[in-house]
């Protein structure tokens, strides 16, 4: 019985995991196998099997949203990796008050609620806002709230929100590097650049992989930013996968189809997570 005692401490975790993860997934998957008529008293009527998933695979609007988010990821991922790495290396080299103050300033935007931060930037994009006036003064005829330019407006908001979070992850990785690595390198006459090139960057590789995985998954799950900006402009309902699920659920009221779309999004996120974890473990 003594050997089983540690397992008892896992019971609360598995209970909560089952209630809030496993059961909702099972319910969503079960819901996706039906196609209940509008007048039906239960959503679990008219079993259609996998036909809802066949519909998702041929849904142009849904995959256009994925294409938009893939384009956003291709822009945001290199900015995230390079920008956060440079900031983290700079702050790591600055000890004392300057380094502590820099960490607070960099991380501060992440503490601002997403909706509030998006509204703040959205109003700066509108006519009379500082960004709108700056672009007008530079004679750059770009309306960042137009549907064609909205993805760049979102990119700016996401960079502002998440750069500090990524910097903190990298700073944690830098603090985890054993100090004797630096001491040994300095005894061999290594310069600051060589310390960065041959110790810091290789030791941060797995953290960069982890950040990449979170970025790819997070981009396809975006909702707050596009939904908030859509109140200031007009966006297609399939601009992001989550925005499309929201439209199908609350406007078209096709709950069974929305469940199938949601399960596809979950499956893609799970595949990305598995691939990311494999790469992460390969670096250990």
Protein backbone atom coordinates (compact mmCIF):
# COMPACT_ATOMS: atom_id res chain seq x y z
CA UNK A 1 0.00 0.00 0.00
CA UNK A 2 2.91 2.36 0.71
CA UNK A 3 3.94 2.17 -2.93
CA UNK A 4 0.49 3.34 -3.97
CA UNK A 5 0.49 6.36 -1.66
CA UNK A 6 2.11 8.77 -4.20
CA UNK A 7 -0.60 7.84 -6.71
CA UNK A 8 -3.28 9.20 -4.39
CA UNK A 9 -1.85 12.68 -4.87
CA UNK A 10 -2.50 12.34 -8.62
CA UNK A 11 -6.21 11.68 -8.15
CA UNK A 12 -7.20 15.41 -8.02
CA UNK A 13 -5.24 16.08 -11.21
CA UNK A 14 -6.76 13.19 -13.15
CA UNK A 15 -10.23 14.04 -11.83
CA UNK A 16 -9.98 17.64 -13.03
CA UNK A 17 -8.31 16.55 -16.29
CA UNK A 18 -11.15 14.14 -16.97
CA UNK A 19 -13.91 16.62 -16.13
CA UNK A 20 -12.48 19.63 -18.00
CA UNK A 21 -10.53 17.99 -20.87
CA UNK A 22 -11.53 14.39 -21.59
CA UNK A 23 -15.30 14.71 -21.15
CA UNK A 24 -15.61 17.94 -23.23
CA UNK A 25 -13.53 16.31 -26.00
CA UNK A 26 -15.73 13.21 -25.93
CA UNK A 27 -18.88 15.36 -25.97
CA UNK A 28 -17.60 17.45 -28.88
CA UNK A 29 -16.63 14.39 -30.88
CA UNK A 30 -19.99 12.73 -30.21
CA UNK A 31 -21.81 15.91 -31.23
CA UNK A 32 -19.88 16.03 -34.51
CA UNK A 33 -21.27 12.64 -35.57
CA UNK A 34 -24.84 13.97 -35.80
CA UNK A 35 -26.67 16.52 -37.92
CA UNK A 36 -29.69 17.55 -35.89
CA UNK A 37 -32.47 19.44 -37.72
CA UNK A 38 -33.25 22.96 -36.55
CA UNK A 39 -36.52 21.80 -34.97
CA UNK A 40 -34.95 18.87 -33.13
CA UNK A 41 -35.24 18.77 -29.33
CA UNK A 42 -31.80 17.15 -29.00
CA UNK A 43 -28.54 17.75 -30.81
CA UNK A 44 -27.88 14.00 -30.75
CA UNK A 45 -30.37 13.16 -33.50
CA UNK A 46 -29.87 12.11 -37.12
CA UNK A 47 -26.62 10.16 -36.94
CA UNK A 48 -24.49 10.91 -40.01
CA UNK A 49 -21.13 9.43 -39.00
CA UNK A 50 -18.13 11.17 -40.55
CA UNK A 51 -20.00 13.22 -43.14
CA UNK A 52 -19.51 16.39 -41.09
CA UNK A 53 -15.75 15.89 -41.30
CA UNK A 54 -15.96 15.42 -45.06
CA UNK A 55 -17.78 18.74 -45.19
CA UNK A 56 -15.03 20.40 -43.14
CA UNK A 57 -12.32 19.10 -45.46
CA UNK A 58 -14.08 20.72 -48.43
CA UNK A 59 -15.02 23.95 -46.61
CA UNK A 60 -13.21 26.73 -48.49
CA UNK A 61 -14.04 29.45 -45.93
CA UNK A 62 -12.56 27.42 -43.06
CA UNK A 63 -9.31 26.62 -44.86
CA UNK A 64 -8.97 30.22 -46.03
CA UNK A 65 -8.90 31.15 -42.36
CA UNK A 66 -6.13 28.63 -41.82
CA UNK A 67 -4.28 30.10 -44.78
CA UNK A 68 -4.52 33.58 -43.25
CA UNK A 69 -3.17 32.32 -39.94
CA UNK A 70 -0.36 30.44 -41.71
CA UNK A 71 0.62 33.70 -43.40
CA UNK A 72 0.48 35.45 -40.03
CA UNK A 73 2.67 32.73 -38.49
CA UNK A 74 5.24 33.08 -41.28
CA UNK A 75 5.56 36.77 -40.36
CA UNK A 76 5.28 36.51 -36.58
CA UNK A 77 7.49 33.46 -35.96
CA UNK A 78 10.81 34.95 -37.21
CA UNK A 79 10.02 38.27 -35.50
CA UNK A 80 9.28 36.37 -32.29
CA UNK A 81 12.40 34.21 -32.37
CA UNK A 82 14.89 36.87 -33.43
CA UNK A 83 13.38 39.79 -31.52
CA UNK A 84 12.84 38.00 -28.22
CA UNK A 85 16.28 36.36 -28.46
CA UNK A 86 18.05 39.70 -28.95
CA UNK A 87 16.10 41.34 -26.11
CA UNK A 88 16.71 38.39 -23.77
CA UNK A 89 20.45 38.37 -24.49
CA UNK A 90 20.62 42.12 -23.93
CA UNK A 91 18.74 41.96 -20.60
CA UNK A 92 20.77 38.97 -19.49
CA UNK A 93 23.96 40.98 -19.97
CA UNK A 94 22.56 43.87 -17.91
CA UNK A 95 22.47 43.02 -14.22
CA UNK A 96 21.18 45.13 -11.37
CA UNK A 97 18.46 47.75 -11.59
CA UNK A 98 18.67 48.24 -15.35
CA UNK A 99 18.12 44.56 -16.03
CA UNK A 100 15.24 44.29 -13.54
CA UNK A 101 13.55 47.42 -14.90
CA UNK A 102 13.97 46.20 -18.47
CA UNK A 103 12.30 42.89 -17.64
CA UNK A 104 9.32 44.71 -16.13
CA UNK A 105 8.95 47.03 -19.13
CA UNK A 106 9.22 44.18 -21.64
CA UNK A 107 6.76 41.94 -19.78
CA UNK A 108 4.23 44.69 -18.97
CA UNK A 109 2.18 44.46 -22.23
CA UNK A 110 1.52 40.77 -21.55
CA UNK A 111 -0.23 41.79 -18.33
CA UNK A 112 -2.72 43.97 -20.23
CA UNK A 113 -5.95 42.05 -21.01
CA UNK A 114 -6.13 41.09 -24.67
CA UNK A 115 -9.38 42.90 -25.40
CA UNK A 116 -8.19 46.13 -23.78
CA UNK A 117 -4.86 46.02 -25.62
CA UNK A 118 -6.55 45.29 -28.95
CA UNK A 119 -9.05 48.12 -28.47
CA UNK A 120 -6.22 50.49 -27.61
CA UNK A 121 -4.35 49.66 -30.81
CA UNK A 122 -7.58 49.57 -32.82
CA UNK A 123 -8.44 53.15 -31.93
CA UNK A 124 -4.90 54.23 -32.81
CA UNK A 125 -5.54 52.74 -36.27
CA UNK A 126 -8.76 54.72 -36.79
CA UNK A 127 -8.97 58.18 -38.37
CA UNK A 128 -7.61 60.73 -35.91
CA UNK A 129 -5.46 58.14 -34.16
CA UNK A 130 -1.68 58.61 -33.94
CA UNK A 131 -0.80 55.70 -36.22
CA UNK A 132 -3.38 56.75 -38.82
CA UNK A 133 -2.09 60.35 -38.73
CA UNK A 134 1.53 59.19 -38.93
CA UNK A 135 0.86 57.10 -42.02
CA UNK A 136 -1.04 60.04 -43.56
CA UNK A 137 1.86 62.41 -42.80
CA UNK A 138 4.25 59.97 -44.47
CA UNK A 139 1.88 59.80 -47.46
CA UNK A 140 1.40 56.06 -47.01
CA UNK A 141 -2.19 55.37 -48.16
CA UNK A 142 -2.80 52.37 -45.89
CA UNK A 143 -5.88 51.81 -43.76
CA UNK A 144 -4.82 49.15 -41.28
CA UNK A 145 -8.47 48.42 -40.45
CA UNK A 146 -9.34 47.48 -44.02
CA UNK A 147 -9.89 43.75 -44.61
CA UNK A 148 -6.81 43.54 -46.86
CA UNK A 149 -4.49 45.12 -44.27
CA UNK A 150 -6.10 43.79 -41.10
CA UNK A 151 -3.62 40.93 -40.77
CA UNK A 152 -0.77 43.45 -40.44
CA UNK A 153 -2.71 45.32 -37.77
CA UNK A 154 -3.14 42.02 -35.92
CA UNK A 155 0.56 41.26 -36.30
CA UNK A 156 1.44 44.53 -34.60
CA UNK A 157 -0.94 43.80 -31.71
CA UNK A 158 0.39 40.25 -31.27
CA UNK A 159 4.02 41.40 -31.30
CA UNK A 160 3.22 43.97 -28.62
CA UNK A 161 1.31 41.45 -26.50
CA UNK A 162 3.51 38.37 -26.71
CA UNK A 163 7.09 39.50 -27.22
CA UNK A 164 7.61 40.02 -23.49
CA UNK A 165 6.22 36.57 -22.68
CA UNK A 166 8.73 34.96 -25.06
CA UNK A 167 11.54 37.04 -23.60
CA UNK A 168 10.75 35.75 -20.10
CA UNK A 169 10.88 32.15 -21.37
CA UNK A 170 14.33 32.75 -22.86
CA UNK A 171 15.55 34.54 -19.73
CA UNK A 172 14.48 31.50 -17.72
CA UNK A 173 16.51 29.36 -20.12
CA UNK A 174 19.55 31.62 -19.73
CA UNK A 175 19.29 31.50 -15.94
CA UNK A 176 19.19 27.69 -16.10
CA UNK A 177 22.63 27.49 -17.76
CA UNK A 178 25.15 26.27 -15.16
CA UNK A 179 27.61 29.01 -14.21
CA UNK A 180 30.61 26.70 -14.45
CA UNK A 181 30.14 26.64 -18.23
CA UNK A 182 30.92 30.36 -18.30
CA UNK A 183 33.76 30.03 -15.82
CA UNK A 184 35.46 27.29 -17.83
CA UNK A 185 35.07 29.24 -21.07
CA UNK A 186 36.49 32.43 -19.54
CA UNK A 187 39.50 30.49 -18.24
CA UNK A 188 40.12 29.45 -21.84
CA UNK A 189 39.98 33.10 -22.90
CA UNK A 190 36.48 33.14 -24.46
CA UNK A 191 35.07 36.56 -25.34
CA UNK A 192 31.50 37.72 -24.68
CA UNK A 193 30.56 36.90 -28.27
CA UNK A 194 32.05 33.41 -27.97
CA UNK A 195 30.12 32.83 -24.75
CA UNK A 196 26.93 33.74 -26.61
CA UNK A 197 27.79 31.77 -29.75
CA UNK A 198 29.01 28.55 -28.18
CA UNK A 199 27.15 28.39 -24.85
CA UNK A 200 24.02 30.55 -24.73
CA UNK A 201 22.63 29.93 -28.21
CA UNK A 202 23.04 26.12 -28.18
CA UNK A 203 21.53 25.91 -24.68
CA UNK A 204 18.55 28.03 -25.78
CA UNK A 205 17.72 25.88 -28.80
CA UNK A 206 15.08 23.78 -27.04
CA UNK A 207 13.44 26.92 -25.65
CA UNK A 208 13.22 28.35 -29.16
CA UNK A 209 11.59 25.10 -30.31
CA UNK A 210 9.10 25.38 -27.44
CA UNK A 211 8.32 28.99 -28.37
CA UNK A 212 7.83 28.00 -32.02
CA UNK A 213 5.34 25.30 -31.03
CA UNK A 214 3.35 27.73 -28.85
CA UNK A 215 3.38 30.35 -31.61
CA UNK A 216 2.10 28.00 -34.31
CA UNK A 217 -0.68 26.64 -32.08
CA UNK A 218 -1.55 30.06 -30.68
CA UNK A 219 -1.86 31.69 -34.10
CA UNK A 220 -4.43 29.18 -35.33
CA UNK A 221 -6.45 29.66 -32.12
CA UNK A 222 -6.62 33.46 -32.29
CA UNK A 223 -10.04 34.86 -31.43
CA UNK A 224 -9.96 37.89 -29.13
CA UNK A 225 -7.84 40.07 -31.41
CA UNK A 226 -9.77 39.51 -34.69
CA UNK A 227 -13.15 39.55 -32.93
CA UNK A 228 -12.38 42.85 -31.20
CA UNK A 229 -10.98 44.45 -34.35
CA UNK A 230 -14.02 43.25 -36.33
CA UNK A 231 -16.12 45.70 -34.29
CA UNK A 232 -14.03 48.54 -35.74
CA UNK A 233 -14.00 47.23 -39.30
CA UNK A 234 -15.46 44.48 -41.47
CA UNK A 235 -13.83 41.06 -41.47
CA UNK A 236 -14.85 37.86 -43.28
CA UNK A 237 -16.38 35.39 -40.84
CA UNK A 238 -13.70 32.86 -41.78
CA UNK A 239 -10.75 35.17 -41.08
CA UNK A 240 -9.47 32.78 -38.38
CA UNK A 241 -10.55 29.20 -37.54
CA UNK A 242 -11.95 30.19 -34.15
CA UNK A 243 -13.82 33.15 -35.62
CA UNK A 244 -15.34 30.75 -38.14
CA UNK A 245 -16.42 28.36 -35.37
CA UNK A 246 -18.02 31.29 -33.55
CA UNK A 247 -19.92 32.30 -36.70
CA UNK A 248 -21.13 28.76 -37.43
CA UNK A 249 -22.24 28.28 -33.82
CA UNK A 250 -23.98 31.54 -32.95
CA UNK A 251 -25.09 32.91 -36.31
CA UNK A 252 -25.76 29.83 -38.43
CA UNK A 253 -26.58 27.73 -35.32
CA UNK A 254 -25.12 24.61 -36.89
CA UNK A 255 -23.91 23.17 -33.61
CA UNK A 256 -23.04 19.73 -34.93
CA UNK A 257 -20.98 21.11 -37.78
CA UNK A 258 -19.27 23.59 -35.44
CA UNK A 259 -18.29 20.64 -33.23
CA UNK A 260 -16.70 18.90 -36.23
CA UNK A 261 -14.77 22.06 -37.15
CA UNK A 262 -13.63 22.48 -33.54
CA UNK A 263 -12.45 18.87 -33.39
CA UNK A 264 -10.40 19.34 -36.57
CA UNK A 265 -8.77 22.42 -35.00
CA UNK A 266 -8.04 20.40 -31.84
CA UNK A 267 -6.56 17.55 -33.90
CA UNK A 268 -4.25 19.90 -35.83
CA UNK A 269 -3.13 21.57 -32.60
CA UNK A 270 -2.43 18.16 -31.07
CA UNK A 271 -0.32 17.10 -34.07
CA UNK A 272 1.72 20.32 -33.89
CA UNK A 273 2.20 19.79 -30.15
CA UNK A 274 3.38 16.20 -30.61
CA UNK A 275 5.89 17.24 -33.28
CA UNK A 276 7.10 20.11 -31.10
CA UNK A 277 7.54 17.87 -28.06
CA UNK A 278 9.53 15.34 -30.10
CA UNK A 279 11.92 18.06 -31.26
CA UNK A 280 12.08 19.46 -27.72
CA UNK A 281 13.02 16.11 -26.24
CA UNK A 282 15.61 15.53 -28.95
CA UNK A 283 17.54 18.49 -27.57
CA UNK A 284 17.80 17.03 -24.05
